[in-house]
């Protein structure tokens, strides 16, 4: 039986409230499976949702829809269990 996906996103969405009742959709219906040992790059212009997607996988922000699973666990549990680490480009 093959290993389950290391990262599995199902229907992930993220909508930000931008003030005065406005909403900005950053991610909509993202489905992604990353297998153990697979190399993945997220490429796109500034503001297209790359960092938002990584923050959801790392449980640093919650999706407004869908689920994020890391190592077979909800992203929040995988973070608490220290199943992975995250290195930022600049200090946060």
Protein backbone atom coordinates (compact mmCIF):
# COMPACT_ATOMS: atom_id res chain seq x y z
CA UNK A 1 0.00 0.00 0.00
CA UNK A 2 1.50 3.40 -0.97
CA UNK A 3 2.21 6.04 1.67
CA UNK A 4 -0.60 8.54 2.13
CA UNK A 5 -0.05 12.09 0.96
CA UNK A 6 2.17 14.19 3.21
CA UNK A 7 0.00 17.22 2.43
CA UNK A 8 -3.58 16.94 1.30
CA UNK A 9 -5.76 19.96 0.59
CA UNK A 10 -9.43 19.46 -0.22
CA UNK A 11 -11.56 22.39 -1.34
CA UNK A 12 -9.41 24.91 0.53
CA UNK A 13 -10.64 28.49 0.34
CA UNK A 14 -9.60 31.72 2.02
CA UNK A 15 -11.58 34.94 1.95
CA UNK A 16 -10.35 38.09 3.70
CA UNK A 17 -12.61 40.88 4.95
CA UNK A 18 -11.10 44.11 3.63
CA UNK A 19 -13.28 46.64 5.44
CA UNK A 20 -16.58 48.36 4.64
CA UNK A 21 -18.15 44.96 4.04
CA UNK A 22 -15.80 44.11 1.18
CA UNK A 23 -14.30 40.67 0.78
CA UNK A 24 -11.26 39.50 -1.18
CA UNK A 25 -11.01 35.88 -2.28
CA UNK A 26 -7.39 34.76 -1.99
CA UNK A 27 -7.95 31.02 -2.57
CA UNK A 28 -10.93 29.18 -4.01
CA UNK A 29 -11.49 25.40 -4.11
CA UNK A 30 -7.81 24.38 -3.95
CA UNK A 31 -7.24 20.62 -4.17
CA UNK A 32 -3.66 19.38 -3.84
CA UNK A 33 -1.94 16.14 -2.85
CA UNK A 34 1.81 16.12 -2.18
CA UNK A 35 3.43 12.71 -1.83
CA UNK A 36 6.37 11.95 0.46
CA UNK A 37 9.61 12.89 -1.32
CA UNK A 38 7.84 14.94 -3.98
CA UNK A 39 9.31 18.38 -4.81
CA UNK A 40 6.70 21.09 -5.30
CA UNK A 41 7.07 24.76 -6.25
CA UNK A 42 4.37 27.40 -5.91
CA UNK A 43 4.89 29.98 -8.63
CA UNK A 44 2.84 33.06 -9.38
CA UNK A 45 2.71 36.83 -9.22
CA UNK A 46 2.68 38.81 -6.01
CA UNK A 47 -0.68 38.62 -4.26
CA UNK A 48 -1.92 35.44 -5.94
CA UNK A 49 -2.18 33.40 -2.71
CA UNK A 50 1.10 31.45 -2.51
CA UNK A 51 1.95 32.56 1.03
CA UNK A 52 -1.66 32.24 2.13
CA UNK A 53 -1.66 28.62 0.98
CA UNK A 54 1.58 27.89 2.87
CA UNK A 55 0.20 29.60 5.99
CA UNK A 56 -2.88 27.34 5.84
CA UNK A 57 -0.73 24.22 5.45
CA UNK A 58 1.39 25.41 8.40
CA UNK A 59 -1.72 26.20 10.48
CA UNK A 60 -0.71 29.84 10.82
CA UNK A 61 -4.06 30.92 9.40
CA UNK A 62 -7.34 29.04 9.07
CA UNK A 63 -9.06 28.37 5.77
CA UNK A 64 -12.56 29.76 5.38
CA UNK A 65 -13.48 26.55 3.59
CA UNK A 66 -12.15 23.06 2.99
CA UNK A 67 -9.58 21.03 4.90
CA UNK A 68 -5.79 20.84 5.20
CA UNK A 69 -4.24 17.53 6.29
CA UNK A 70 -0.52 17.08 7.04
CA UNK A 71 0.93 13.61 7.70
CA UNK A 72 -2.59 12.20 7.90
CA UNK A 73 -3.65 14.68 10.62
CA UNK A 74 -5.52 17.97 10.56
CA UNK A 75 -2.94 20.75 10.03
CA UNK A 76 -3.50 22.06 13.59
CA UNK A 77 -2.70 18.67 15.12
CA UNK A 78 0.36 18.18 12.91
CA UNK A 79 1.64 21.59 14.06
CA UNK A 80 1.06 20.75 17.73
CA UNK A 81 2.85 17.41 17.21
CA UNK A 82 5.75 19.28 15.54
CA UNK A 83 5.53 17.12 12.44
CA UNK A 84 7.14 19.85 10.34
CA UNK A 85 8.97 23.16 10.51
CA UNK A 86 8.63 26.42 8.66
CA UNK A 87 11.35 28.95 7.80
CA UNK A 88 10.32 32.48 6.90
CA UNK A 89 11.94 34.70 4.29
CA UNK A 90 12.07 37.64 6.69
CA UNK A 91 11.51 37.93 10.46
CA UNK A 92 7.86 37.93 11.44
